[in-house]
């Protein structure tokens, strides 16, 4: 029977976060927000007129 305090960690070794990964995540978020703004403008111009 297992101890209640013992945990079974599946992540033994974690890789460090690389600077290029930060740039990719930030650029993806900024790009997504920019595309949403552009699409909102198009919807306002062409559909909601």
N, C-alpha and C. Protein backbone atom coordinates (compact mmCIF):
# COMPACT_ATOMS: atom_id res chain seq x y z
N UNK A 1 0.84 -1.17 0.00
CA UNK A 1 0.00 0.00 0.00
C UNK A 1 0.89 1.24 0.00
N UNK A 2 0.52 2.24 -0.80
CA UNK A 2 1.32 3.46 -0.90
C UNK A 2 1.10 4.36 0.29
N UNK A 3 2.13 5.14 0.59
CA UNK A 3 1.99 6.15 1.63
C UNK A 3 1.16 7.31 1.09
N UNK A 4 0.41 7.96 1.94
CA UNK A 4 -0.41 9.09 1.52
C UNK A 4 0.46 10.29 1.17
N UNK A 5 1.65 10.38 1.80
CA UNK A 5 2.54 11.52 1.57
C UNK A 5 3.39 11.35 0.32
N UNK A 6 3.54 10.15 -0.16
CA UNK A 6 4.40 9.90 -1.33
C UNK A 6 3.67 10.33 -2.59
N UNK A 7 4.39 11.06 -3.44
CA UNK A 7 3.80 11.48 -4.72
C UNK A 7 4.59 10.83 -5.84
N UNK A 8 3.89 10.53 -6.91
CA UNK A 8 4.51 9.91 -8.07
C UNK A 8 4.71 10.99 -9.12
N UNK A 9 5.91 11.58 -9.16
CA UNK A 9 6.18 12.64 -10.12
C UNK A 9 6.51 12.04 -11.48
N UNK A 10 5.78 12.47 -12.50
CA UNK A 10 6.08 12.02 -13.84
C UNK A 10 7.10 12.92 -14.52
N UNK A 11 7.28 14.15 -14.00
CA UNK A 11 8.24 15.09 -14.56
C UNK A 11 9.52 15.03 -13.73
N UNK A 12 10.41 14.20 -14.15
CA UNK A 12 11.64 14.05 -13.37
C UNK A 12 12.61 15.20 -13.64
N UNK A 13 12.80 15.52 -14.92
CA UNK A 13 13.72 16.59 -15.28
C UNK A 13 12.98 17.56 -16.18
N UNK A 14 12.95 18.82 -15.77
CA UNK A 14 12.28 19.84 -16.59
C UNK A 14 13.33 20.59 -17.40
N UNK A 15 12.97 20.87 -18.65
CA UNK A 15 13.89 21.61 -19.51
C UNK A 15 13.76 23.10 -19.21
N UNK A 16 14.85 23.84 -19.31
CA UNK A 16 14.76 25.29 -19.08
C UNK A 16 14.03 25.98 -20.23
N UNK A 17 13.41 27.09 -19.92
CA UNK A 17 12.69 27.89 -20.92
C UNK A 17 13.71 28.70 -21.70
N UNK A 18 13.71 28.54 -23.02
CA UNK A 18 14.69 29.22 -23.86
C UNK A 18 14.18 30.59 -24.27
N UNK A 19 15.09 31.55 -24.51
CA UNK A 19 14.66 32.88 -24.94
C UNK A 19 13.89 32.87 -26.26
N UNK A 20 14.23 31.96 -27.17
CA UNK A 20 13.50 31.89 -28.43
C UNK A 20 12.06 31.47 -28.21
N UNK A 21 11.82 30.66 -27.19
CA UNK A 21 10.45 30.25 -26.88
C UNK A 21 9.64 31.44 -26.37
N UNK A 22 10.27 32.31 -25.60
CA UNK A 22 9.59 33.52 -25.14
C UNK A 22 9.22 34.39 -26.32
N UNK A 23 10.14 34.55 -27.26
CA UNK A 23 9.86 35.36 -28.44
C UNK A 23 8.73 34.76 -29.27
N UNK A 24 8.71 33.44 -29.40
CA UNK A 24 7.65 32.78 -30.16
C UNK A 24 6.28 32.96 -29.51
N UNK A 25 6.22 32.81 -28.20
CA UNK A 25 4.96 32.95 -27.49
C UNK A 25 4.46 34.39 -27.57
N UNK A 26 5.35 35.35 -27.34
CA UNK A 26 4.96 36.76 -27.37
C UNK A 26 4.51 37.15 -28.78
N UNK A 27 5.26 36.73 -29.79
CA UNK A 27 4.88 37.08 -31.16
C UNK A 27 3.56 36.42 -31.56
N UNK A 28 3.31 35.22 -31.10
CA UNK A 28 2.04 34.56 -31.40
C UNK A 28 0.86 35.28 -30.75
N UNK A 29 1.02 35.69 -29.52
CA UNK A 29 -0.05 36.40 -28.82
C UNK A 29 -0.30 37.76 -29.47
N UNK A 30 0.77 38.50 -29.76
CA UNK A 30 0.63 39.81 -30.40
C UNK A 30 0.02 39.66 -31.79
N UNK A 31 0.46 38.67 -32.55
CA UNK A 31 -0.11 38.43 -33.87
C UNK A 31 -1.58 38.07 -33.80
N UNK A 32 -1.95 37.25 -32.84
CA UNK A 32 -3.36 36.87 -32.67
C UNK A 32 -4.23 38.06 -32.32
N UNK A 33 -3.75 38.92 -31.44
CA UNK A 33 -4.51 40.11 -31.07
C UNK A 33 -4.63 41.04 -32.27
N UNK A 34 -3.55 41.21 -33.04
CA UNK A 34 -3.59 42.07 -34.22
C UNK A 34 -4.58 41.55 -35.26
N UNK A 35 -4.60 40.24 -35.47
CA UNK A 35 -5.55 39.66 -36.42
C UNK A 35 -6.99 39.84 -35.95
N UNK A 36 -7.22 39.69 -34.64
CA UNK A 36 -8.57 39.91 -34.11
C UNK A 36 -9.01 41.35 -34.32
N UNK A 37 -8.10 42.31 -34.14
CA UNK A 37 -8.45 43.72 -34.35
C UNK A 37 -8.78 43.97 -35.82
N UNK A 38 -7.96 43.44 -36.72
CA UNK A 38 -8.20 43.62 -38.16
C UNK A 38 -9.54 42.99 -38.56
N UNK A 39 -9.80 41.80 -38.08
CA UNK A 39 -11.07 41.15 -38.41
C UNK A 39 -12.26 41.90 -37.83
N UNK A 40 -12.11 42.46 -36.65
CA UNK A 40 -13.19 43.25 -36.06
C UNK A 40 -13.47 44.49 -36.89
N UNK A 41 -12.42 45.11 -37.41
CA UNK A 41 -12.60 46.28 -38.29
C UNK A 41 -13.33 45.87 -39.56
N UNK A 42 -12.95 44.76 -40.17
CA UNK A 42 -13.62 44.29 -41.38
C UNK A 42 -15.09 43.97 -41.12
N UNK A 43 -15.39 43.35 -40.01
CA UNK A 43 -16.78 43.03 -39.68
C UNK A 43 -17.56 44.33 -39.51
N UNK A 44 -16.96 45.29 -38.85
CA UNK A 44 -17.64 46.58 -38.65
C UNK A 44 -17.87 47.29 -39.98
N UNK A 45 -16.90 47.23 -40.89
CA UNK A 45 -17.00 47.94 -42.17
C UNK A 45 -17.98 47.26 -43.13
N UNK A 46 -17.94 45.94 -43.22
CA UNK A 46 -18.67 45.26 -44.28
C UNK A 46 -19.97 44.59 -43.82
N UNK A 47 -20.04 44.14 -42.61
CA UNK A 47 -21.22 43.38 -42.17
C UNK A 47 -22.17 44.25 -41.35
N UNK A 48 -21.64 45.08 -40.48
CA UNK A 48 -22.49 45.86 -39.58
C UNK A 48 -22.92 47.19 -40.15
N UNK A 49 -22.59 47.45 -41.40
CA UNK A 49 -22.97 48.71 -42.02
C UNK A 49 -24.41 48.78 -42.30
